[in-house]
Protein backbone atom coordinates (compact mmCIF):
# COMPACT_ATOMS: atom_id res chain seq x y z
CA MET A 1 0.00 0.00 0.00
CA SER A 2 1.35 3.38 -0.95
CA THR A 3 1.18 5.98 1.82
CA LYS A 4 2.88 8.88 0.08
CA ASN A 5 -0.27 11.05 0.03
CA VAL A 6 -1.63 10.20 3.48
CA PRO A 7 -0.67 12.26 6.55
CA GLU A 8 0.90 10.20 9.34
CA ASN A 9 -1.87 11.01 11.85
CA MET A 10 -4.49 9.82 9.34
CA LEU A 11 -2.61 6.54 8.84
CA GLN A 12 -2.80 5.93 12.59
CA VAL A 13 -6.57 6.53 12.62
CA ILE A 14 -7.14 4.23 9.63
CA CYS A 15 -4.94 1.55 11.21
CA LYS A 16 -6.88 1.69 14.48
CA LEU A 17 -10.20 1.55 12.60
CA LEU A 18 -9.16 -1.50 10.57
CA ASN A 19 -7.83 -3.25 13.67
CA VAL A 20 -11.11 -2.65 15.54
CA ILE A 21 -13.02 -4.13 12.61
CA TRP A 22 -10.58 -7.06 12.44
CA ASP A 23 -10.82 -7.74 16.19
CA SER A 24 -14.60 -7.41 16.38
CA GLY A 25 -15.36 -9.27 13.16
CA ASN A 26 -17.99 -6.64 12.30
CA PHE A 27 -17.31 -5.65 8.71
CA PRO A 28 -19.51 -2.71 7.64
CA ASP A 29 -22.06 -3.90 5.06
CA ILE A 30 -21.75 -0.71 3.05
CA TRP A 31 -18.07 -1.49 2.40
CA SER A 32 -19.03 -4.64 0.49
CA LYS A 33 -21.56 -2.96 -1.78
CA GLY A 34 -20.68 -1.57 -5.17
CA ILE A 35 -22.23 0.12 -8.15
CA ILE A 36 -21.68 -1.38 -11.59
CA LEU A 37 -21.48 1.17 -14.39
CA PRO A 38 -21.60 0.19 -18.06
CA ILE A 39 -18.74 1.72 -20.05
CA ASN A 40 -18.97 1.73 -23.83
CA LYS A 41 -16.06 -0.02 -25.59
CA ASN A 42 -16.27 2.47 -28.48
CA LYS A 43 -17.01 -0.24 -31.01
CA GLY A 44 -20.14 -1.32 -32.80
CA ASP A 45 -23.71 -0.29 -32.08
CA ILE A 46 -24.20 1.64 -28.83
CA ILE A 47 -27.57 -0.08 -28.38
CA ASN A 48 -25.94 -3.54 -28.21
CA PRO A 49 -25.15 -4.49 -24.57
CA ASP A 50 -22.24 -6.66 -25.76
CA ASN A 51 -20.38 -3.44 -26.62
CA TYR A 52 -20.14 -2.44 -22.95
CA SER A 53 -17.87 -3.42 -20.08
CA GLY A 54 -19.07 -3.35 -16.50
CA ILE A 55 -16.92 -1.29 -14.15
CA ALA A 56 -17.49 -1.70 -10.41
CA ILE A 57 -17.29 1.36 -8.16
CA LEU A 58 -16.40 0.12 -4.68
CA SER A 59 -15.71 1.59 -1.25
CA CYS A 60 -12.10 2.70 -0.78
CA PHE A 61 -12.12 1.48 2.82
CA GLY A 62 -13.56 -1.87 1.73
CA LYS A 63 -10.79 -2.28 -0.84
CA LEU A 64 -8.18 -1.24 1.70
CA PHE A 65 -9.47 -3.69 4.31
CA THR A 66 -9.56 -6.61 1.86
CA SER A 67 -6.04 -5.69 0.76
CA VAL A 68 -4.87 -5.83 4.40
CA ILE A 69 -6.55 -9.22 4.86
CA ASN A 70 -4.95 -10.51 1.67
CA ASN A 71 -1.50 -9.35 2.84
CA ARG A 72 -1.98 -10.97 6.27
CA LEU A 73 -3.05 -14.25 4.69
CA ASN A 74 -0.17 -14.27 2.23
CA ASN A 75 2.39 -13.56 4.96
């Protein structure tokens, strides 16, 4: 995880938050929800759904937490 744009005091707050969630086992439901947006591939007929890709917009904290879990499992 890159921390070059995050102030040190904010990193400490985020770390504490993620550790509380980890220790309690209460993952916020909203962090696991996403919105799927269709993005046109710029080919073919714009009416044809096959000419679109679905892009998921997800919670930054949800992605961060799952990244931390993944790193802990891999280590």
